[in-house]
PDB file of N, CA and C in Angstrom:
ATOM      1  N   MET A   1      91.920 107.274  91.297  1.00  0.00           N
ATOM      2  CA  MET A   1      92.445 106.614  92.150  1.00  0.00           C
ATOM      3  C   MET A   1      90.725 105.424  92.616  1.00  0.00           C
ATOM      4  N   LYS A   2      90.876 103.980  92.051  1.00  0.00           N
ATOM      5  CA  LYS A   2      89.812 103.553  92.580  1.00  0.00           C
ATOM      6  C   LYS A   2      89.867 102.915  93.808  1.00  0.00           C
ATOM      7  N   THR A   3      88.686 102.407  94.412  1.00  0.00           N
ATOM      8  CA  THR A   3      88.250 102.578  95.604  1.00  0.00           C
ATOM      9  C   THR A   3      87.187 101.490  95.750  1.00  0.00           C
ATOM     10  N   VAL A   4      87.714 100.121  96.957  1.00  0.00           N
ATOM     11  CA  VAL A   4      87.260  99.087  97.836  1.00  0.00           C
ATOM     12  C   VAL A   4      87.705  99.206  98.951  1.00  0.00           C
ATOM     13  N   THR A   5      86.356  98.304  98.903  1.00  0.00           N
ATOM     14  CA  THR A   5      86.317  98.190 100.645  1.00  0.00           C
ATOM     15  C   THR A   5      86.886  97.414 101.182  1.00  0.00           C
ATOM     16  N   PHE A   6      87.205  97.076 102.800  1.00  0.00           N
ATOM     17  CA  PHE A   6      88.594  96.174 103.270  1.00  0.00           C
ATOM     18  C   PHE A   6      87.523  94.335 102.549  1.00  0.00           C
ATOM     19  N   THR A   7      86.163  94.587 102.725  1.00  0.00           N
ATOM     20  CA  THR A   7      85.810  93.142 102.178  1.00  0.00           C
ATOM     21  C   THR A   7      86.168  92.449 100.802  1.00  0.00           C
ATOM     22  N   GLU A   8      86.030  93.416 100.443  1.00  0.00           N
ATOM     23  CA  GLU A   8      86.029  93.288  98.772  1.00  0.00           C
ATOM     24  C   GLU A   8      87.207  92.911  98.831  1.00  0.00           C
ATOM     25  N   PHE A   9      88.573  94.294  98.961  1.00  0.00           N
ATOM     26  CA  PHE A   9      89.588  93.713  98.645  1.00  0.00           C
ATOM     27  C   PHE A   9      90.013  92.347  99.612  1.00  0.00           C
ATOM     28  N   ARG A  10      89.634  92.010 100.461  1.00  0.00           N
ATOM     29  CA  ARG A  10      90.114  90.491 100.536  1.00  0.00           C
ATOM     30  C   ARG A  10      89.690  89.370 100.218  1.00  0.00           C
ATOM     31  N   LYS A  11      88.388  89.259  98.840  1.00  0.00           N
ATOM     32  CA  LYS A  11      87.999  88.761  98.307  1.00  0.00           C
ATOM     33  C   LYS A  11      88.077  88.458  97.178  1.00  0.00           C
ATOM     34  N   ASN A  12      89.239  89.641  96.494  1.00  0.00           N
ATOM     35  CA  ASN A  12      89.522  89.886  94.941  1.00  0.00           C
ATOM     36  C   ASN A  12      90.438  90.624  95.873  1.00  0.00           C
ATOM     37  N   ALA A  13      91.770  89.723  96.255  1.00  0.00           N
ATOM     38  CA  ALA A  13      93.132  90.815  96.555  1.00  0.00           C
ATOM     39  C   ALA A  13      94.079  90.556  95.467  1.00  0.00           C
ATOM     40  N   SER A  14      93.880  88.997  94.723  1.00  0.00           N
ATOM     41  CA  SER A  14      94.794  88.747  93.319  1.00  0.00           C
ATOM     42  C   SER A  14      94.512  90.094  92.200  1.00  0.00           C
ATOM     43  N   GLU A  15      92.896  89.683  92.166  1.00  0.00           N
ATOM     44  CA  GLU A  15      92.284  90.814  90.862  1.00  0.00           C
ATOM     45  C   GLU A  15      93.031  92.965  91.215  1.00  0.00           C
ATOM     46  N   VAL A  16      92.745  93.188  92.747  1.00  0.00           N
ATOM     47  CA  VAL A  16      93.154  94.466  92.991  1.00  0.00           C
ATOM     48  C   VAL A  16      94.013  94.988  93.000  1.00  0.00           C
ATOM     49  N   LEU A  17      95.451  93.722  93.200  1.00  0.00           N
ATOM     50  CA  LEU A  17      96.616  93.822  93.673  1.00  0.00           C
ATOM     51  C   LEU A  17      97.554  93.628  91.221  1.00  0.00           C
ATOM     52  N   ASP A  18      96.844  93.320  90.762  1.00  0.00           N
ATOM     53  CA  ASP A  18      96.880  92.900  89.563  1.00  0.00           C
ATOM     54  C   ASP A  18      96.193  94.532  88.579  1.00  0.00           C
ATOM     55  N   LEU A  19      95.499  95.377  89.186  1.00  0.00           N
ATOM     56  CA  LEU A  19      95.117  96.775  88.661  1.00  0.00           C
ATOM     57  C   LEU A  19      96.053  97.414  89.382  1.00  0.00           C
ATOM     58  N   VAL A  20      97.031  96.902  90.533  1.00  0.00           N
ATOM     59  CA  VAL A  20      97.925  98.337  90.951  1.00  0.00           C
ATOM     60  C   VAL A  20      98.873  97.356  90.427  1.00  0.00           C
ATOM     61  N   GLU A  21      99.331  96.788  89.442  1.00  0.00           N
ATOM     62  CA  GLU A  21     100.793  96.288  88.533  1.00  0.00           C
ATOM     63  C   GLU A  21     100.277  96.813  87.657  1.00  0.00           C
ATOM     64  N   LYS A  22      99.366  97.380  87.037  1.00  0.00           N
ATOM     65  CA  LYS A  22      99.042  97.784  86.150  1.00  0.00           C
ATOM     66  C   LYS A  22      99.577  99.099  86.064  1.00  0.00           C
ATOM     67  N   GLY A  23      99.460  99.892  87.055  1.00  0.00           N
ATOM     68  CA  GLY A  23      99.998 101.708  87.885  1.00  0.00           C
ATOM     69  C   GLY A  23      98.682 102.223  87.787  1.00  0.00           C
ATOM     70  N   GLU A  24      97.621 100.904  88.783  1.00  0.00           N
ATOM     71  CA  GLU A  24      96.397 101.877  88.810  1.00  0.00           C
ATOM     72  C   GLU A  24      96.837 101.765  90.336  1.00  0.00           C
ATOM     73  N   SER A  25      96.197 102.911  91.290  1.00  0.00           N
ATOM     74  CA  SER A  25      96.312 102.991  92.552  1.00  0.00           C
ATOM     75  C   SER A  25      95.302 102.974  93.242  1.00  0.00           C
ATOM     76  N   ILE A  26      94.739 101.954  94.031  1.00  0.00           N
ATOM     77  CA  ILE A  26      93.513 102.137  94.528  1.00  0.00           C
ATOM     78  C   ILE A  26      93.592 102.288  96.543  1.00  0.00           C
ATOM     79  N   ARG A  27      92.411 102.819  96.813  1.00  0.00           N
ATOM     80  CA  ARG A  27      92.189 103.181  98.657  1.00  0.00           C
ATOM     81  C   ARG A  27      91.284 101.968  99.091  1.00  0.00           C
ATOM     82  N   VAL A  28      91.364 101.964 100.119  1.00  0.00           N
ATOM     83  CA  VAL A  28      90.676 100.307 100.699  1.00  0.00           C
ATOM     84  C   VAL A  28      90.204 101.130 102.670  1.00  0.00           C
ATOM     85  N   LEU A  29      88.430 101.194 102.033  1.00  0.00           N
ATOM     86  CA  LEU A  29      88.374 101.503 103.470  1.00  0.00           C
ATOM     87  C   LEU A  29      87.741 100.077 103.823  1.00  0.00           C
ATOM     88  N   ARG A  30      87.674 100.856 105.546  1.00  0.00           N
ATOM     89  CA  ARG A  30      87.189 100.319 106.227  1.00  0.00           C
ATOM     90  C   ARG A  30      85.865 101.012 107.069  1.00  0.00           C
ATOM     91  N   HIS A  31      84.936  99.960 107.543  1.00  0.00           N
ATOM     92  CA  HIS A  31      83.622 101.445 107.690  1.00  0.00           C
ATOM     93  C   HIS A  31      83.725 102.530 107.157  1.00  0.00           C
ATOM     94  N   GLY A  32      83.731 102.805 106.127  1.00  0.00           N
ATOM     95  CA  GLY A  32      83.562 103.896 105.288  1.00  0.00           C
ATOM     96  C   GLY A  32      84.905 104.966 105.068  1.00  0.00           C
ATOM     97  N   LYS A  33      85.776 104.361 106.367  1.00  0.00           N
ATOM     98  CA  LYS A  33      87.274 104.859 106.444  1.00  0.00           C
ATOM     99  C   LYS A  33      88.353 104.621 105.653  1.00  0.00           C
ATOM    100  N   ALA A  34      89.319 105.576 104.840  1.00  0.00           N
ATOM    101  CA  ALA A  34      90.373 105.180 103.539  1.00  0.00           C
ATOM    102  C   ALA A  34      91.730 104.240 105.759  1.00  0.00           C
ATOM    103  N   ILE A  35      91.606 102.945 105.162  1.00  0.00           N
ATOM    104  CA  ILE A  35      92.648 102.198 105.798  1.00  0.00           C
ATOM    105  C   ILE A  35      94.168 102.287 105.453  1.00  0.00           C
ATOM    106  N   ALA A  36      94.405 102.203 104.140  1.00  0.00           N
ATOM    107  CA  ALA A  36      95.235 101.524 103.273  1.00  0.00           C
ATOM    108  C   ALA A  36      95.240 102.354 101.365  1.00  0.00           C
ATOM    109  N   ARG A  37      96.109 102.727 101.071  1.00  0.00           N
ATOM    110  CA  ARG A  37      97.012 103.758  99.557  1.00  0.00           C
ATOM    111  C   ARG A  37      97.693 102.463  99.110  1.00  0.00           C
ATOM    112  N   ILE A  38      97.088 101.515  98.319  1.00  0.00           N
ATOM    113  CA  ILE A  38      97.998 100.817  97.574  1.00  0.00           C
ATOM    114  C   ILE A  38      98.448 100.864  96.566  1.00  0.00           C
ATOM    115  N   VAL A  39     100.122 101.199  96.409  1.00  0.00           N
ATOM    116  CA  VAL A  39     100.350 102.429  94.575  1.00  0.00           C
ATOM    117  C   VAL A  39     101.096 101.284  94.124  1.00  0.00           C
ATOM    118  N   PRO A  40     101.749 101.682  92.545  1.00  0.00           N
ATOM    119  CA  PRO A  40     102.575 100.746  92.381  1.00  0.00           C
ATOM    120  C   PRO A  40     103.815 100.869  93.108  1.00  0.00           C
ATOM    121  N   ALA A  41     104.570 100.136  92.992  1.00  0.00           N
ATOM    122  CA  ALA A  41     105.865 100.000  93.653  1.00  0.00           C
ATOM    123  C   ALA A  41     106.990 100.786  93.003  1.00  0.00           C
ATOM    124  N   GLU A  42     106.942 100.654  91.351  1.00  0.00           N
ATOM    125  CA  GLU A  42     107.158 102.402  90.853  1.00  0.00           C
ATOM    126  C   GLU A  42     107.827 103.782  91.131  1.00  0.00           C
ATOM    127  N   LEU A  43     106.219 103.852  91.669  1.00  0.00           N
ATOM    128  CA  LEU A  43     105.944 105.110  91.966  1.00  0.00           C
ATOM    129  C   LEU A  43     106.616 105.674  93.771  1.00  0.00           C
ATOM    130  N   ARG A  44     106.901 104.509  94.219  1.00  0.00           N
ATOM    131  CA  ARG A  44     107.086 104.421  95.703  1.00  0.00           C
ATOM    132  C   ARG A  44     108.714 104.113  95.865  1.00  0.00           C
ATOM    133  N   GLU A  45     109.006 104.055  94.827  1.00  0.00           N
ATOM    134  CA  GLU A  45     110.348 103.944  94.731  1.00  0.00           C
ATOM    135  C   GLU A  45     111.223 105.198  94.282  1.00  0.00           C
ATOM    136  N   ALA A  46     110.190 106.267  94.176  1.00  0.00           N
ATOM    137  CA  ALA A  46     111.164 107.923  94.330  1.00  0.00           C
ATOM    138  C   ALA A  46     112.153 108.157  94.945  1.00  0.00           C
ATOM    139  N   LYS A  47     113.052 108.923  94.641  1.00  0.00           N
ATOM    140  CA  LYS A  47     113.955 108.942  95.890  1.00  0.00           C
ATOM    141  C   LYS A  47     112.963 110.928  96.512  1.00  0.00           C
ATOM    142  N   PRO A  48     112.967 110.314  97.789  1.00  0.00           N
ATOM    143  CA  PRO A  48     113.356 111.752  98.666  1.00  0.00           C
ATOM    144  C   PRO A  48     113.808 113.226  98.075  1.00  0.00           C
ATOM    145  N   ALA A  49     112.327 114.077  98.201  1.00  0.00           N
ATOM    146  CA  ALA A  49     112.947 114.963  98.250  1.00  0.00           C
ATOM    147  C   ALA A  49     114.747 115.622  98.207  1.00  0.00           C
ATOM    148  N   TRP A  50     114.624 115.069  99.819  1.00  0.00           N
ATOM    149  CA  TRP A  50     116.146 115.528 100.292  1.00  0.00           C
ATOM    150  C   TRP A  50     117.141 114.426 100.072  1.00  0.00           C
ATOM    151  N   LYS A  51     117.304 113.382  98.613  1.00  0.00           N
ATOM    152  CA  LYS A  51     118.134 112.587  98.498  1.00  0.00           C
ATOM    153  C   LYS A  51     118.391 112.907  97.254  1.00  0.00           C
ATOM    154  N   ARG A  52     117.670 113.884  96.756  1.00  0.00           N
ATOM    155  CA  ARG A  52     117.626 114.388  94.944  1.00  0.00           C
ATOM    156  C   ARG A  52     118.634 115.615  95.187  1.00  0.00           C
ATOM    157  N   PRO A  53     119.567 115.465  94.125  1.00  0.00           N
ATOM    158  CA  PRO A  53     120.471 116.402  94.026  1.00  0.00           C
ATOM    159  C   PRO A  53     120.280 117.997  94.162  1.00  0.00           C
ATOM    160  N   GLY A  54     121.236 119.012  94.510  1.00  0.00           N
ATOM    161  CA  GLY A  54     120.188 119.995  94.585  1.00  0.00           C
ATOM    162  C   GLY A  54     120.593 121.042  93.731  1.00  0.00           C
ATOM    163  N   LEU A  55     120.629 122.281  93.390  1.00  0.00           N
ATOM    164  CA  LEU A  55     121.365 123.485  93.135  1.00  0.00           C
ATOM    165  C   LEU A  55     122.204 123.727  93.224  1.00  0.00           C
ATOM    166  N   ARG A  56     123.159 123.867  92.088  1.00  0.00           N
ATOM    167  CA  ARG A  56     123.887 124.203  92.284  1.00  0.00           C
ATOM    168  C   ARG A  56     125.025 125.505  92.304  1.00  0.00           C
ATOM    169  N   LEU A  57     125.923 125.959  93.173  1.00  0.00           N
ATOM    170  CA  LEU A  57     125.551 127.257  93.308  1.00  0.00           C
ATOM    171  C   LEU A  57     126.636 127.703  92.853  1.00  0.00           C
ATOM    172  N   VAL A  58     126.382 128.666  91.935  1.00  0.00           N
ATOM    173  CA  VAL A  58     128.091 129.164  90.796  1.00  0.00           C
ATOM    174  C   VAL A  58     128.211 130.511  91.589  1.00  0.00           C
ATOM    175  N   THR A  59     129.550 130.906  91.667  1.00  0.00           N
ATOM    176  CA  THR A  59     130.124 131.766  92.320  1.00  0.00           C
ATOM    177  C   THR A  59     131.318 132.178  91.434  1.00  0.00           C
ATOM    178  N   ALA A  60     131.400 133.934  91.348  1.00  0.00           N
ATOM    179  CA  ALA A  60     132.989 133.978  90.447  1.00  0.00           C
ATOM    180  C   ALA A  60     133.605 134.334  91.259  1.00  0.00           C
ATOM    181  N   GLY A  61     134.889 134.068  90.726  1.00  0.00           N
ATOM    182  CA  GLY A  61     136.224 134.427  91.835  1.00  0.00           C
ATOM    183  C   GLY A  61     136.556 133.312  92.010  1.00  0.00           C
ATOM    184  N   VAL A  62     137.889 133.542  92.905  1.00  0.00           N
ATOM    185  CA  VAL A  62     138.229 132.742  93.446  1.00  0.00           C
ATOM    186  C   VAL A  62     137.881 131.511  94.044  1.00  0.00           C
ATOM    187  N   SER A  63     138.151 130.306  94.147  1.00  0.00           N
ATOM    188  CA  SER A  63     137.462 128.910  94.626  1.00  0.00           C
ATOM    189  C   SER A  63     137.808 129.062  95.895  1.00  0.00           C
ATOM    190  N   LEU A  64     137.170 128.162  96.743  1.00  0.00           N
ATOM    191  CA  LEU A  64     137.355 128.344  98.758  1.00  0.00           C
ATOM    192  C   LEU A  64     139.000 127.241  98.748  1.00  0.00           C
ATOM    193  N   SER A  65     138.906 126.786  97.569  1.00  0.00           N
ATOM    194  CA  SER A  65     140.128 125.704  98.876  1.00  0.00           C
ATOM    195  C   SER A  65     141.351 126.853  97.851  1.00  0.00           C
ATOM    196  N   ARG A  66     141.337 126.914  96.766  1.00  0.00           N
ATOM    197  CA  ARG A  66     142.376 128.488  95.819  1.00  0.00           C
ATOM    198  C   ARG A  66     142.831 129.396  97.773  1.00  0.00           C
ATOM    199  N   ALA A  67     141.801 129.903  97.481  1.00  0.00           N
ATOM    200  CA  ALA A  67     142.114 130.827  98.449  1.00  0.00           C
ATOM    201  C   ALA A  67     142.570 129.829 100.027  1.00  0.00           C
ATOM    202  N   VAL A  68     141.942 128.816 100.399  1.00  0.00           N
ATOM    203  CA  VAL A  68     143.028 128.775 101.499  1.00  0.00           C
ATOM    204  C   VAL A  68     144.026 128.385 101.307  1.00  0.00           C
ATOM    205  N   LEU A  69     144.465 127.805  99.990  1.00  0.00           N
ATOM    206  CA  LEU A  69     145.812 127.328  99.716  1.00  0.00           C
ATOM    207  C   LEU A  69     146.369 128.128  99.912  1.00  0.00           C
ATOM    208  N   GLU A  70     146.439 129.509  99.263  1.00  0.00           N
ATOM    209  CA  GLU A  70     146.871 131.054  99.268  1.00  0.00           C
ATOM    210  C   GLU A  70     147.631 131.107 100.459  1.00  0.00           C
ATOM    211  N   GLU A  71     146.244 131.560 101.506  1.00  0.00           N
ATOM    212  CA  GLU A  71     146.143 132.048 102.384  1.00  0.00           C
ATOM    213  C   GLU A  71     147.837 131.391 103.354  1.00  0.00           C
ATOM    214  N   ARG A  72     147.606 129.900 103.243  1.00  0.00           N
ATOM    215  CA  ARG A  72     148.478 129.252 103.666  1.00  0.00           C
ATOM    216  C   ARG A  72     149.748 129.668 103.406  1.00  0.00           C
ATOM    217  N   ARG A  73     149.690 129.589 101.856  1.00  0.00           N
ATOM    218  CA  ARG A  73     151.277 129.885 101.811  1.00  0.00           C
ATOM    219  C   ARG A  73     152.051 131.451 102.141  1.00  0.00           C
ATOM    220  N   ALA A  74     150.905 132.095 101.942  1.00  0.00           N
ATOM    221  CA  ALA A  74     150.974 133.686 102.846  1.00  0.00           C
ATOM    222  C   ALA A  74     151.535 133.881 104.127  1.00  0.00           C
ATOM    223  N   SER A  75     151.013 132.911 105.235  1.00  0.00           N
ATOM    224  CA  SER A  75     151.141 132.911 106.745  1.00  0.00           C
ATOM    225  C   SER A  75     152.194 132.161 106.384  1.00  0.00           C
ATOM    226  N   SER A  76     153.506 131.247 105.942  1.00  0.00           N
ATOM    227  CA  SER A  76     154.487 130.854 106.548  1.00  0.00           C
ATOM    228  C   SER A  76     155.724 131.251 106.419  1.00  0.00           C
TER     229      SER A  76
END
């Protein structure tokens, strides 16, 4: 990850954004402290973990829907 000062970023914003567009991540410092991280858009658009499909639970025996239907038929 490349690091630039806020002043450098202001003076060379176009060049810094060109680097980001090529896949480079940039950390921006102000008074020696990190204030921002600029990353390529493709990296930021990844789905958060909670939106990704989870593991499938494989069960043996009768499915829940079939068991419910059988129970309803038996109690009618």
